[in-house]
Amino acid sequence: MIGGLASHELLDPVRDTAAAATPVVETRSLIKRYKGVVALDRLDLVVPRSSVGLLGANGAGKTTLLRLLLGLTTATSGSAQVLGFDTAVDGVRIRERVGYMPESDTLPPGVTAADFVAHMAEMSGLPARAARQRAADVLYQVGLDEERYRLIKGFSTGMKQRVKLAQAIVHDPDLVFLDEPTNGMDPQGRDEMLALIDRIHRHLGIAVVVSSHILEDIERVCQHVVILDGGRLVASQPIADLGDVNGDLLVRVDGDVAAFAARLVALGLQVKPATGEVGRGELVVRADGDFVYDAIRDTAADLGLPLRSLRTRSRSLEDVYFGNVATDDPTASPLQVDHANT
């Protein structure tokens, strides 16, 4: 429930199961150019009805994709569907069933949160009285119950983000797009926002697409990740499957570590020194098959080097991202992997 209003929690189980199997977004050969710049490059994408992270550095094409999916701009070529509707002709119907939280601060400063969110509910088709009740309900849900009659111009950044979230869900959508929802927030506010996003999906049953350049945000609230780089799709997979394929082995031997590493490389293995957090002298060996274990054992034996430890390290979202995305573009904003710069 959202306050006293019915939510997605009580949907018919059979219909719910069928809906869960239906993608919320599908694109085919989607291309978007702006004055010669390719913002989206032949994008073929299927987004499941889940909590989905749209991950990429600033400029990767995330916001352009969201605008196309909302029917706010048109594709140069290709097609896209949202909830089964064609974005080229059904923009109004899509926006009736989809919520959107923009990255930029577009809130009117001279009105109260209650009036603004109620207005957005009316714009979505709710009668005035129902719109005001729904606004009160969602502002309570996002933690702004006591501040709902204050003017927005007096709100902090975190409070404004909550207002934007409230207007995105006030009409009880089937799907909500959240563009950089933790932008500009302090660590506590960020934690609270991520908890709200998690609740929207898990308890209200609303499919969520979170566009972000912060790896940790995606890992904390999303079940599926879509990675864009330069307008291209480089990965789309469940986050739970990240550690199932091509994980790493952490290897420690006593003696001539350089000779050991060189022998493994000569055998065709990918080897690099471990970073500081796993300890000095450890090597990271890409586990591309069971033969890797035999190669490590036999090499250590051939060189007479005691094998002190051999353990697996599943790939993280950071490993997947940096393993697929070029990082030498000086114009791209860096992807954040922790709290440090938020």
C-alpha atoms as a PDB file:
ATOM      1  CA  MET A   1       0.000   0.000   0.000  1.00  0.00           C
ATOM      2  CA  ILE A   2       0.953   3.650  -0.467  1.00  0.00           C
ATOM      3  CA  GLY A   3      -0.910   5.135   2.485  1.00  0.00           C
ATOM      4  CA  GLY A   4      -4.509   4.020   2.006  1.00  0.00           C
ATOM      5  CA  LEU A   5      -4.191   3.486  -1.740  1.00  0.00           C
ATOM      6  CA  ALA A   6      -3.811   0.159  -3.464  1.00  0.00           C
ATOM      7  CA  SER A   7      -0.326  -0.636  -4.725  1.00  0.00           C
ATOM      8  CA  HIS A   8       1.155  -3.433  -6.821  1.00  0.00           C
ATOM      9  CA  GLU A   9       1.498  -5.674  -3.749  1.00  0.00           C
ATOM     10  CA  LEU A  10      -1.924  -7.271  -4.224  1.00  0.00           C
ATOM     11  CA  LEU A  11      -1.752  -8.098  -7.915  1.00  0.00           C
ATOM     12  CA  ASP A  12      -3.175 -11.400  -9.052  1.00  0.00           C
ATOM     13  CA  PRO A  13      -0.360 -14.026  -8.714  1.00  0.00           C
ATOM     14  CA  VAL A  14      -0.926 -15.494 -12.185  1.00  0.00           C
ATOM     15  CA  ARG A  15      -0.942 -12.089 -13.857  1.00  0.00           C
ATOM     16  CA  ASP A  16       2.020 -11.063 -11.706  1.00  0.00           C
ATOM     17  CA  THR A  17       4.036 -14.073 -12.896  1.00  0.00           C
ATOM     18  CA  ALA A  18       3.253 -13.314 -16.525  1.00  0.00           C
ATOM     19  CA  ALA A  19       4.158  -9.667 -16.053  1.00  0.00           C
ATOM     20  CA  ALA A  20       7.451 -10.560 -14.406  1.00  0.00           C
ATOM     21  CA  ALA A  21       8.450 -12.560 -17.486  1.00  0.00           C
ATOM     22  CA  THR A  22       7.719  -9.637 -19.825  1.00  0.00           C
ATOM     23  CA  PRO A  23      10.551  -7.173 -20.456  1.00  0.00           C
ATOM     24  CA  VAL A  24       9.778  -3.570 -19.548  1.00  0.00           C
ATOM     25  CA  VAL A  25      12.095  -2.212 -22.243  1.00  0.00           C
ATOM     26  CA  GLU A  26      13.225  -3.564 -25.615  1.00  0.00           C
ATOM     27  CA  THR A  27      15.332  -1.771 -28.203  1.00  0.00           C
ATOM     28  CA  ARG A  28      16.404  -2.904 -31.658  1.00  0.00           C
ATOM     29  CA  SER A  29      19.314  -1.324 -33.535  1.00  0.00           C
ATOM     30  CA  LEU A  30      18.600   1.940 -31.727  1.00  0.00           C
ATOM     31  CA  ILE A  31      20.690   4.865 -32.972  1.00  0.00           C
ATOM     32  CA  LYS A  32      20.621   8.481 -31.823  1.00  0.00           C
ATOM     33  CA  ARG A  33      22.860  11.161 -33.324  1.00  0.00           C
ATOM     34  CA  TYR A  34      23.215  14.798 -32.297  1.00  0.00           C
ATOM     35  CA  LYS A  35      24.917  16.956 -34.945  1.00  0.00           C
ATOM     36  CA  GLY A  36      27.258  14.198 -35.971  1.00  0.00           C
ATOM     37  CA  VAL A  37      27.831  12.854 -32.448  1.00  0.00           C
ATOM     38  CA  VAL A  38      26.596   9.297 -31.926  1.00  0.00           C
ATOM     39  CA  ALA A  39      24.918   9.207 -28.513  1.00  0.00           C
ATOM     40  CA  LEU A  40      23.480   5.697 -28.938  1.00  0.00           C
ATOM     41  CA  ASP A  41      25.095   3.239 -31.329  1.00  0.00           C
ATOM     42  CA  ARG A  42      22.994   0.297 -32.626  1.00  0.00           C
ATOM     43  CA  LEU A  43      21.632  -0.531 -29.199  1.00  0.00           C
ATOM     44  CA  ASP A  44      19.964  -3.945 -28.887  1.00  0.00           C
ATOM     45  CA  LEU A  45      18.700  -4.246 -25.347  1.00  0.00           C
ATOM     46  CA  VAL A  46      16.186  -6.230 -23.310  1.00  0.00           C
ATOM     47  CA  VAL A  47      15.480  -4.914 -19.788  1.00  0.00           C
ATOM     48  CA  PRO A  48      13.733  -7.347 -17.420  1.00  0.00           C
ATOM     49  CA  ARG A  49      10.923  -6.391 -15.044  1.00  0.00           C
ATOM     50  CA  SER A  50      13.203  -6.019 -12.054  1.00  0.00           C
ATOM     51  CA  SER A  51      15.428  -3.491 -10.317  1.00  0.00           C
ATOM     52  CA  VAL A  52      17.887  -2.629 -13.067  1.00  0.00           C
ATOM     53  CA  GLY A  53      21.043  -0.549 -12.919  1.00  0.00           C
ATOM     54  CA  LEU A  54      21.907   1.496 -15.997  1.00  0.00           C
ATOM     55  CA  LEU A  55      25.619   1.988 -15.450  1.00  0.00           C
ATOM     56  CA  GLY A  56      28.142   4.130 -17.271  1.00  0.00           C
ATOM     57  CA  ALA A  57      30.337   7.183 -16.961  1.00  0.00           C
ATOM     58  CA  ASN A  58      28.749  10.571 -17.589  1.00  0.00           C
ATOM     59  CA  GLY A  59      28.382  10.883 -21.342  1.00  0.00           C
ATOM     60  CA  ALA A  60      27.909   7.143 -21.901  1.00  0.00           C
ATOM     61  CA  GLY A  61      24.386   7.664 -23.275  1.00  0.00           C
ATOM     62  CA  LYS A  62      22.285   6.906 -20.210  1.00  0.00           C
ATOM     63  CA  THR A  63      20.211  10.101 -20.135  1.00  0.00           C
ATOM     64  CA  THR A  64      19.752  10.037 -23.908  1.00  0.00           C
ATOM     65  CA  LEU A  65      18.400   6.508 -23.640  1.00  0.00           C
ATOM     66  CA  LEU A  66      15.959   7.504 -20.889  1.00  0.00           C
ATOM     67  CA  ARG A  67      14.693  10.453 -22.922  1.00  0.00           C
ATOM     68  CA  LEU A  68      14.122   8.193 -25.915  1.00  0.00           C
ATOM     69  CA  LEU A  69      12.298   5.635 -23.802  1.00  0.00           C
ATOM     70  CA  LEU A  70      10.012   8.335 -22.421  1.00  0.00           C
ATOM     71  CA  GLY A  71       9.178   9.561 -25.915  1.00  0.00           C
ATOM     72  CA  LEU A  72      10.756  12.958 -25.200  1.00  0.00           C
ATOM     73  CA  THR A  73      13.058  12.694 -28.205  1.00  0.00           C
ATOM     74  CA  THR A  74      13.063  10.585 -31.352  1.00  0.00           C
ATOM     75  CA  ALA A  75      15.570   8.038 -32.531  1.00  0.00           C
ATOM     76  CA  THR A  76      17.660   8.589 -35.632  1.00  0.00           C
ATOM     77  CA  SER A  77      16.911   4.987 -36.558  1.00  0.00           C
ATOM     78  CA  GLY A  78      15.904   1.729 -34.918  1.00  0.00           C
ATOM     79  CA  SER A  79      13.026   1.152 -32.517  1.00  0.00           C
ATOM     80  CA  ALA A  80      12.222   0.960 -28.823  1.00  0.00           C
ATOM     81  CA  GLN A  81       9.309  -0.303 -26.772  1.00  0.00           C
ATOM     82  CA  VAL A  82       8.418   0.439 -23.159  1.00  0.00           C
ATOM     83  CA  LEU A  83       5.807  -1.768 -21.463  1.00  0.00           C
ATOM     84  CA  GLY A  84       4.898  -2.950 -24.962  1.00  0.00           C
ATOM     85  CA  PHE A  85       4.318   0.581 -26.318  1.00  0.00           C
ATOM     86  CA  ASP A  86       6.263   2.007 -29.251  1.00  0.00           C
ATOM     87  CA  THR A  87       8.187   5.087 -28.102  1.00  0.00           C
ATOM     88  CA  ALA A  88       7.875   6.688 -31.538  1.00  0.00           C
ATOM     89  CA  VAL A  89       4.057   6.898 -31.437  1.00  0.00           C
ATOM     90  CA  ASP A  90       2.912   6.064 -27.897  1.00  0.00           C
ATOM     91  CA  GLY A  91       4.811   8.620 -25.824  1.00  0.00           C
ATOM     92  CA  VAL A  92       1.722   9.832 -23.949  1.00  0.00           C
ATOM     93  CA  ARG A  93       0.589   6.305 -23.069  1.00  0.00           C
ATOM     94  CA  ILE A  94       4.095   5.462 -21.879  1.00  0.00           C
ATOM     95  CA  ARG A  95       4.253   8.508 -19.626  1.00  0.00           C
ATOM     96  CA  GLU A  96       0.861   7.580 -18.137  1.00  0.00           C
ATOM     97  CA  ARG A  97       2.373   4.327 -16.851  1.00  0.00           C
ATOM     98  CA  VAL A  98       5.981   5.337 -16.247  1.00  0.00           C
ATOM     99  CA  GLY A  99       7.498   7.610 -13.608  1.00  0.00           C
ATOM    100  CA  TYR A 100      10.616   9.694 -14.178  1.00  0.00           C
ATOM    101  CA  MET A 101      12.996  11.302 -11.713  1.00  0.00           C
ATOM    102  CA  PRO A 102      15.300  13.654 -13.682  1.00  0.00           C
ATOM    103  CA  GLU A 103      18.903  14.287 -12.763  1.00  0.00           C
ATOM    104  CA  SER A 104      18.678  18.067 -12.951  1.00  0.00           C
ATOM    105  CA  ASP A 105      16.954  20.257 -10.366  1.00  0.00           C
ATOM    106  CA  THR A 106      13.755  21.198 -12.197  1.00  0.00           C
ATOM    107  CA  LEU A 107      11.591  21.836  -9.131  1.00  0.00           C
ATOM    108  CA  PRO A 108       9.603  25.096  -8.885  1.00  0.00           C
ATOM    109  CA  PRO A 109      11.000  26.971  -5.872  1.00  0.00           C
ATOM    110  CA  GLY A 110       7.937  29.015  -4.966  1.00  0.00           C
ATOM    111  CA  VAL A 111       5.464  26.217  -4.217  1.00  0.00           C
ATOM    112  CA  THR A 112       5.141  23.672  -1.421  1.00  0.00           C
ATOM    113  CA  ALA A 113       6.078  20.043  -1.859  1.00  0.00           C
ATOM    114  CA  ALA A 114       2.445  19.052  -1.292  1.00  0.00           C
ATOM    115  CA  ASP A 115       1.168  21.379  -4.014  1.00  0.00           C
ATOM    116  CA  PHE A 116       3.815  20.352  -6.521  1.00  0.00           C
ATOM    117  CA  VAL A 117       3.408  16.600  -6.053  1.00  0.00           C
ATOM    118  CA  ALA A 118      -0.387  16.939  -6.116  1.00  0.00           C
ATOM    119  CA  HIS A 119      -0.112  18.910  -9.366  1.00  0.00           C
ATOM    120  CA  MET A 120       2.016  16.150 -10.875  1.00  0.00           C
ATOM    121  CA  ALA A 121      -0.577  13.599  -9.797  1.00  0.00           C
ATOM    122  CA  GLU A 122      -3.299  15.606 -11.534  1.00  0.00           C
ATOM    123  CA  MET A 123      -1.121  15.818 -14.648  1.00  0.00           C
ATOM    124  CA  SER A 124      -1.089  12.020 -14.593  1.00  0.00           C
ATOM    125  CA  GLY A 125      -4.881  11.927 -14.654  1.00  0.00           C
ATOM    126  CA  LEU A 126      -5.927  11.725 -11.002  1.00  0.00           C
ATOM    127  CA  PRO A 127      -8.888  13.881  -9.850  1.00  0.00           C
ATOM    128  CA  ALA A 128      -7.886  16.843  -7.676  1.00  0.00           C
ATOM    129  CA  ARG A 129      -9.031  15.382  -4.363  1.00  0.00           C
ATOM    130  CA  ALA A 130      -7.433  11.991  -5.018  1.00  0.00           C
ATOM    131  CA  ALA A 131      -4.269  13.737  -6.222  1.00  0.00           C
ATOM    132  CA  ARG A 132      -3.877  15.622  -2.942  1.00  0.00           C
ATOM    133  CA  GLN A 133      -4.412  12.473  -0.913  1.00  0.00           C
ATOM    134  CA  ARG A 134      -1.932  10.555  -3.028  1.00  0.00           C
ATOM    135  CA  ALA A 135       0.600  13.394  -2.701  1.00  0.00           C
ATOM    136  CA  ALA A 136       0.300  13.286   1.077  1.00  0.00           C
ATOM    137  CA  ASP A 137       0.769   9.511   1.028  1.00  0.00           C
ATOM    138  CA  VAL A 138       3.908   9.465  -1.099  1.00  0.00           C
ATOM    139  CA  LEU A 139       5.498  12.422   0.711  1.00  0.00           C
ATOM    140  CA  TYR A 140       5.014  10.452   3.918  1.00  0.00           C
ATOM    141  CA  GLN A 141       6.609   7.420   2.266  1.00  0.00           C
ATOM    142  CA  VAL A 142       9.709   9.374   1.236  1.00  0.00           C
ATOM    143  CA  GLY A 143      10.109  10.999   4.645  1.00  0.00           C
ATOM    144  CA  LEU A 144       8.777  14.490   3.925  1.00  0.00           C
ATOM    145  CA  ASP A 145       5.504  14.341   5.835  1.00  0.00           C
ATOM    146  CA  GLU A 146       6.378  17.146   8.247  1.00  0.00           C
ATOM    147  CA  GLU A 147       7.938  19.340   5.542  1.00  0.00           C
ATOM    148  CA  ARG A 148       5.248  18.947   2.878  1.00  0.00           C
ATOM    149  CA  TYR A 149       3.824  22.447   3.420  1.00  0.00           C
ATOM    150  CA  ARG A 150       7.203  24.193   3.242  1.00  0.00           C
ATOM    151  CA  LEU A 151       8.303  25.991   0.087  1.00  0.00           C
ATOM    152  CA  ILE A 152      10.682  23.911  -2.003  1.00  0.00           C
ATOM    153  CA  LYS A 153      13.191  26.766  -2.241  1.00  0.00           C
ATOM    154  CA  GLY A 154      14.065  26.183   1.420  1.00  0.00           C
ATOM    155  CA  PHE A 155      14.787  22.474   0.936  1.00  0.00           C
ATOM    156  CA  SER A 156      18.226  20.863   1.112  1.00  0.00           C
ATOM    157  CA  THR A 157      19.574  18.873  -1.826  1.00  0.00           C
ATOM    158  CA  GLY A 158      18.514  15.618  -0.190  1.00  0.00           C
ATOM    159  CA  MET A 159      14.982  16.887   0.422  1.00  0.00           C
ATOM    160  CA  LYS A 160      14.690  18.021  -3.196  1.00  0.00           C
ATOM    161  CA  GLN A 161      15.762  14.565  -4.357  1.00  0.00           C
ATOM    162  CA  ARG A 162      12.982  13.089  -2.216  1.00  0.00           C
ATOM    163  CA  VAL A 163      10.435  15.444  -3.776  1.00  0.00           C
ATOM    164  CA  LYS A 164      11.567  14.356  -7.230  1.00  0.00           C
ATOM    165  CA  LEU A 165      11.205  10.724  -6.186  1.00  0.00           C
ATOM    166  CA  ALA A 166       7.725  11.384  -4.775  1.00  0.00           C
ATOM    167  CA  GLN A 167       6.459  12.976  -8.008  1.00  0.00           C
ATOM    168  CA  ALA A 168       7.891  10.027  -9.971  1.00  0.00           C
ATOM    169  CA  ILE A 169       5.777   7.485  -8.089  1.00  0.00           C
ATOM    170  CA  VAL A 170       2.703   9.564  -7.176  1.00  0.00           C
ATOM    171  CA  HIS A 171       0.606   8.031  -9.987  1.00  0.00           C
ATOM    172  CA  ASP A 172       1.519   4.455  -8.978  1.00  0.00           C
ATOM    173  CA  PRO A 173       3.444   3.633 -12.186  1.00  0.00           C
ATOM    174  CA  ASP A 174       4.391   0.203 -13.485  1.00  0.00           C
ATOM    175  CA  LEU A 175       7.944   1.367 -14.141  1.00  0.00           C
ATOM    176  CA  VAL A 176      10.065   4.245 -12.851  1.00  0.00           C
ATOM    177  CA  PHE A 177      13.247   5.714 -14.352  1.00  0.00           C
ATOM    178  CA  LEU A 178      15.569   7.309 -11.788  1.00  0.00           C
ATOM    179  CA  ASP A 179      18.368   9.415 -13.304  1.00  0.00           C
ATOM    180  CA  GLU A 180      21.290   9.794 -10.850  1.00  0.00           C
ATOM    181  CA  PRO A 181      18.966   9.651  -7.804  1.00  0.00           C
ATOM    182  CA  THR A 182      21.755  10.135  -5.224  1.00  0.00           C
ATOM    183  CA  ASN A 183      23.337  13.072  -7.035  1.00  0.00           C
ATOM    184  CA  GLY A 184      24.712  15.674  -4.590  1.00  0.00           C
ATOM    185  CA  MET A 185      23.606  13.825  -1.464  1.00  0.00           C
ATOM    186  CA  ASP A 186      25.671  13.316   1.689  1.00  0.00           C
ATOM    187  CA  PRO A 187      26.417   9.712   2.805  1.00  0.00           C
ATOM    188  CA  GLN A 188      23.432   9.487   5.171  1.00  0.00           C
ATOM    189  CA  GLY A 189      21.039  10.956   2.631  1.00  0.00           C
ATOM    190  CA  ARG A 190      22.401   8.635  -0.021  1.00  0.00           C
ATOM    191  CA  ASP A 191      21.851   5.587   2.195  1.00  0.00           C
ATOM    192  CA  GLU A 192      18.281   6.676   2.878  1.00  0.00           C
ATOM    193  CA  MET A 193      17.581   7.286  -0.814  1.00  0.00           C
ATOM    194  CA  LEU A 194      18.909   3.838  -1.753  1.00  0.00           C
ATOM    195  CA  ALA A 195      16.703   2.278   0.931  1.00  0.00           C
ATOM    196  CA  LEU A 196      13.680   4.077  -0.545  1.00  0.00           C
ATOM    197  CA  ILE A 197      14.522   2.838  -4.045  1.00  0.00           C
ATOM    198  CA  ASP A 198      14.862  -0.713  -2.755  1.00  0.00           C
ATOM    199  CA  ARG A 199      11.477  -0.435  -1.045  1.00  0.00           C
ATOM    200  CA  ILE A 200       9.810   0.871  -4.204  1.00  0.00           C
ATOM    201  CA  HIS A 201      10.742  -2.300  -6.045  1.00  0.00           C
ATOM    202  CA  ARG A 202      10.564  -4.940  -3.323  1.00  0.00           C
ATOM    203  CA  HIS A 203       7.457  -3.764  -1.462  1.00  0.00           C
ATOM    204  CA  LEU A 204       5.491  -1.748  -4.003  1.00  0.00           C
ATOM    205  CA  GLY A 205       6.257  -4.031  -6.945  1.00  0.00           C
ATOM    206  CA  ILE A 206       7.308  -1.215  -9.268  1.00  0.00           C
ATOM    207  CA  ALA A 207       9.998  -2.040 -11.832  1.00  0.00           C
ATOM    208  CA  VAL A 208      12.944   0.321 -11.355  1.00  0.00           C
ATOM    209  CA  VAL A 209      15.680   1.472 -13.722  1.00  0.00           C
ATOM    210  CA  VAL A 210      18.407   3.358 -11.845  1.00  0.00           C
ATOM    211  CA  SER A 211      20.751   5.341 -14.069  1.00  0.00           C
ATOM    212  CA  SER A 212      24.012   6.003 -12.249  1.00  0.00           C
ATOM    213  CA  HIS A 213      27.771   6.297 -12.560  1.00  0.00           C
ATOM    214  CA  ILE A 214      28.271   5.023  -8.988  1.00  0.00           C
ATOM    215  CA  LEU A 215      29.053   1.308  -8.886  1.00  0.00           C
ATOM    216  CA  GLU A 216      28.152   0.820  -5.245  1.00  0.00           C
ATOM    217  CA  ASP A 217      24.672   2.307  -5.697  1.00  0.00           C
ATOM    218  CA  ILE A 218      23.925  -0.188  -8.454  1.00  0.00           C
ATOM    219  CA  GLU A 219      25.278  -3.122  -6.444  1.00  0.00           C
ATOM    220  CA  ARG A 220      23.201  -2.186  -3.404  1.00  0.00           C
ATOM    221  CA  VAL A 221      19.746  -1.856  -4.947  1.00  0.00           C
ATOM    222  CA  CYS A 222      19.753  -3.599  -8.327  1.00  0.00           C
ATOM    223  CA  GLN A 223      19.317  -7.196  -9.413  1.00  0.00           C
ATOM    224  CA  HIS A 224      20.327  -6.668 -13.044  1.00  0.00           C
ATOM    225  CA  VAL A 225      22.908  -4.388 -14.620  1.00  0.00           C
ATOM    226  CA  VAL A 226      23.117  -2.799 -18.064  1.00  0.00           C
ATOM    227  CA  ILE A 227      26.473  -1.197 -18.885  1.00  0.00           C
ATOM    228  CA  LEU A 228      26.835   1.462 -21.579  1.00  0.00           C
ATOM    229  CA  ASP A 229      30.048   2.922 -22.946  1.00  0.00           C
ATOM    230  CA  GLY A 230      30.116   5.547 -25.660  1.00  0.00           C
ATOM    231  CA  GLY A 231      26.491   4.798 -26.522  1.00  0.00           C
ATOM    232  CA  ARG A 232      27.198   1.094 -26.987  1.00  0.00           C
ATOM    233  CA  LEU A 233      25.908  -1.832 -24.946  1.00  0.00           C
ATOM    234  CA  VAL A 234      28.855  -3.658 -23.417  1.00  0.00           C
ATOM    235  CA  ALA A 235      27.076  -5.868 -20.861  1.00  0.00           C
ATOM    236  CA  SER A 236      23.597  -6.837 -19.673  1.00  0.00           C
ATOM    237  CA  GLN A 237      23.264  -9.532 -17.033  1.00  0.00           C
ATOM    238  CA  PRO A 238      21.945 -10.385 -13.568  1.00  0.00           C
ATOM    239  CA  ILE A 239      24.261  -9.088 -10.866  1.00  0.00           C
ATOM    240  CA  ALA A 240      23.992 -12.420  -9.038  1.00  0.00           C
ATOM    241  CA  ASP A 241      25.714 -14.088 -12.016  1.00  0.00           C
ATOM    242  CA  LEU A 242      28.790 -11.868 -11.943  1.00  0.00           C
ATOM    243  CA  GLY A 243      30.850 -14.360 -10.020  1.00  0.00           C
ATOM    244  CA  ASP A 244      29.827 -17.397 -12.027  1.00  0.00           C
ATOM    245  CA  VAL A 245      31.939 -16.818 -15.120  1.00  0.00           C
ATOM    246  CA  ASN A 246      35.620 -16.097 -15.552  1.00  0.00           C
ATOM    247  CA  GLY A 247      36.395 -15.378 -11.923  1.00  0.00           C
ATOM    248  CA  ASP A 248      39.929 -14.820 -10.652  1.00  0.00           C
ATOM    249  CA  LEU A 249      42.316 -17.039  -8.742  1.00  0.00           C
ATOM    250  CA  LEU A 250      44.582 -15.506  -6.111  1.00  0.00           C
ATOM    251  CA  VAL A 251      47.892 -17.384  -5.985  1.00  0.00           C
ATOM    252  CA  ARG A 252      50.807 -17.084  -3.561  1.00  0.00           C
ATOM    253  CA  VAL A 253      54.114 -18.880  -3.972  1.00  0.00           C
ATOM    254  CA  ASP A 254      57.429 -18.665  -2.108  1.00  0.00           C
ATOM    255  CA  GLY A 255      60.525 -17.824  -4.108  1.00  0.00           C
ATOM    256  CA  ASP A 256      60.866 -16.388  -7.602  1.00  0.00           C
ATOM    257  CA  VAL A 257      57.395 -14.955  -8.179  1.00  0.00           C
ATOM    258  CA  ALA A 258      58.457 -13.259 -11.438  1.00  0.00           C
ATOM    259  CA  ALA A 259      59.634 -16.553 -12.956  1.00  0.00           C
ATOM    260  CA  PHE A 260      56.408 -18.233 -11.851  1.00  0.00           C
ATOM    261  CA  ALA A 261      54.294 -15.495 -13.444  1.00  0.00           C
ATOM    262  CA  ALA A 262      56.340 -15.555 -16.658  1.00  0.00           C
ATOM    263  CA  ARG A 263      55.853 -19.320 -17.009  1.00  0.00           C
ATOM    264  CA  LEU A 264      52.084 -18.969 -16.584  1.00  0.00           C
ATOM    265  CA  VAL A 265      51.960 -16.195 -19.191  1.00  0.00           C
ATOM    266  CA  ALA A 266      53.955 -18.401 -21.581  1.00  0.00           C
ATOM    267  CA  LEU A 267      51.231 -21.021 -21.115  1.00  0.00           C
ATOM    268  CA  GLY A 268      48.655 -18.477 -22.301  1.00  0.00           C
ATOM    269  CA  LEU A 269      47.229 -17.471 -18.930  1.00  0.00           C
ATOM    270  CA  GLN A 270      46.294 -13.928 -17.918  1.00  0.00           C
ATOM    271  CA  VAL A 271      48.390 -12.962 -14.900  1.00  0.00           C
ATOM    272  CA  LYS A 272      48.832  -9.689 -13.017  1.00  0.00           C
ATOM    273  CA  PRO A 273      50.046  -8.646  -9.573  1.00  0.00           C
ATOM    274  CA  ALA A 274      47.356  -8.432  -6.928  1.00  0.00           C
ATOM    275  CA  THR A 275      46.357  -4.988  -5.744  1.00  0.00           C
ATOM    276  CA  GLY A 276      47.233  -3.895  -2.243  1.00  0.00           C
ATOM    277  CA  GLU A 277      44.018  -5.001  -0.573  1.00  0.00           C
ATOM    278  CA  VAL A 278      44.752  -8.694  -1.123  1.00  0.00           C
ATOM    279  CA  GLY A 279      48.325  -8.706   0.105  1.00  0.00           C
ATOM    280  CA  ARG A 280      51.839  -8.387  -1.220  1.00  0.00           C
ATOM    281  CA  GLY A 281      53.291 -11.145  -3.367  1.00  0.00           C
ATOM    282  CA  GLU A 282      49.947 -12.519  -4.498  1.00  0.00           C
ATOM    283  CA  LEU A 283      49.152 -12.973  -8.181  1.00  0.00           C
ATOM    284  CA  VAL A 284      45.766 -12.698  -9.867  1.00  0.00           C
ATOM    285  CA  VAL A 285      45.244 -15.411 -12.486  1.00  0.00           C
ATOM    286  CA  ARG A 286      42.158 -15.376 -14.710  1.00  0.00           C
ATOM    287  CA  ALA A 287      40.251 -18.644 -14.286  1.00  0.00           C
ATOM    288  CA  ASP A 288      39.116 -19.452 -17.807  1.00  0.00           C
ATOM    289  CA  GLY A 289      38.788 -23.196 -17.243  1.00  0.00           C
ATOM    290  CA  ASP A 290      39.718 -26.097 -14.977  1.00  0.00           C
ATOM    291  CA  PHE A 291      43.076 -26.493 -16.762  1.00  0.00           C
ATOM    292  CA  VAL A 292      44.249 -23.307 -15.024  1.00  0.00           C
ATOM    293  CA  TYR A 293      44.436 -25.136 -11.696  1.00  0.00           C
ATOM    294  CA  ASP A 294      46.607 -27.856 -13.239  1.00  0.00           C
ATOM    295  CA  ALA A 295      48.852 -25.251 -14.873  1.00  0.00           C
ATOM    296  CA  ILE A 296      49.407 -23.455 -11.556  1.00  0.00           C
ATOM    297  CA  ARG A 297      50.152 -26.691  -9.701  1.00  0.00           C
ATOM    298  CA  ASP A 298      52.491 -28.077 -12.373  1.00  0.00           C
ATOM    299  CA  THR A 299      54.349 -24.777 -12.813  1.00  0.00           C
ATOM    300  CA  ALA A 300      54.970 -24.462  -9.086  1.00  0.00           C
ATOM    301  CA  ALA A 301      56.245 -28.051  -9.005  1.00  0.00           C
ATOM    302  CA  ASP A 302      58.488 -27.621 -12.084  1.00  0.00           C
ATOM    303  CA  LEU A 303      60.112 -24.499 -10.651  1.00  0.00           C
ATOM    304  CA  GLY A 304      60.391 -25.958  -7.151  1.00  0.00           C
ATOM    305  CA  LEU A 305      58.337 -23.144  -5.648  1.00  0.00           C
ATOM    306  CA  PRO A 306      56.148 -23.931  -2.623  1.00  0.00           C
ATOM    307  CA  LEU A 307      52.507 -23.111  -3.379  1.00  0.00           C
ATOM    308  CA  ARG A 308      51.339 -21.333  -0.249  1.00  0.00           C
ATOM    309  CA  SER A 309      47.767 -20.465  -1.179  1.00  0.00           C
ATOM    310  CA  LEU A 310      45.301 -20.780  -4.025  1.00  0.00           C
ATOM    311  CA  ARG A 311      41.861 -19.236  -3.630  1.00  0.00           C
ATOM    312  CA  THR A 312      39.084 -17.920  -5.797  1.00  0.00           C
ATOM    313  CA  ARG A 313      37.870 -14.364  -6.009  1.00  0.00           C
ATOM    314  CA  SER A 314      34.554 -13.888  -7.776  1.00  0.00           C
ATOM    315  CA  ARG A 315      34.329 -10.975 -10.137  1.00  0.00           C
ATOM    316  CA  SER A 316      32.696  -7.850  -8.786  1.00  0.00           C
ATOM    317  CA  LEU A 317      30.655  -5.326 -10.724  1.00  0.00           C
ATOM    318  CA  GLU A 318      33.791  -3.187 -10.793  1.00  0.00           C
ATOM    319  CA  ASP A 319      35.708  -6.025 -12.480  1.00  0.00           C
ATOM    320  CA  VAL A 320      32.987  -6.452 -15.092  1.00  0.00           C
ATOM    321  CA  TYR A 321      32.792  -2.732 -15.788  1.00  0.00           C
ATOM    322  CA  PHE A 322      36.489  -2.068 -16.174  1.00  0.00           C
ATOM    323  CA  GLY A 323      36.945  -5.325 -18.034  1.00  0.00           C
ATOM    324  CA  ASN A 324      34.522  -4.172 -20.727  1.00  0.00           C
ATOM    325  CA  VAL A 325      34.807  -0.385 -20.843  1.00  0.00           C
ATOM    326  CA  ALA A 326      37.609   1.663 -22.340  1.00  0.00           C
ATOM    327  CA  THR A 327      39.026   4.030 -19.728  1.00  0.00           C
ATOM    328  CA  ASP A 328      41.309   6.182 -21.868  1.00  0.00           C
ATOM    329  CA  ASP A 329      38.682   8.751 -22.934  1.00  0.00           C
ATOM    330  CA  PRO A 330      39.797  12.067 -21.392  1.00  0.00           C
ATOM    331  CA  THR A 331      36.356  13.637 -21.902  1.00  0.00           C
ATOM    332  CA  ALA A 332      34.440  11.047 -19.901  1.00  0.00           C
ATOM    333  CA  SER A 333      33.683  11.639 -16.238  1.00  0.00           C
ATOM    334  CA  PRO A 334      35.128   8.899 -14.009  1.00  0.00           C
ATOM    335  CA  LEU A 335      32.983   6.119 -12.715  1.00  0.00           C
ATOM    336  CA  GLN A 336      32.792   6.230  -8.931  1.00  0.00           C
ATOM    337  CA  VAL A 337      33.391   3.011  -7.037  1.00  0.00           C
ATOM    338  CA  ASP A 338      32.821   4.194  -3.479  1.00  0.00           C
ATOM    339  CA  HIS A 339      31.534   7.008  -1.288  1.00  0.00           C
ATOM    340  CA  ALA A 340      34.620   9.148  -1.556  1.00  0.00           C
ATOM    341  CA  ASN A 341      33.411  11.780  -4.020  1.00  0.00           C
ATOM    342  CA  THR A 342      29.679  11.782  -3.457  1.00  0.00           C
END
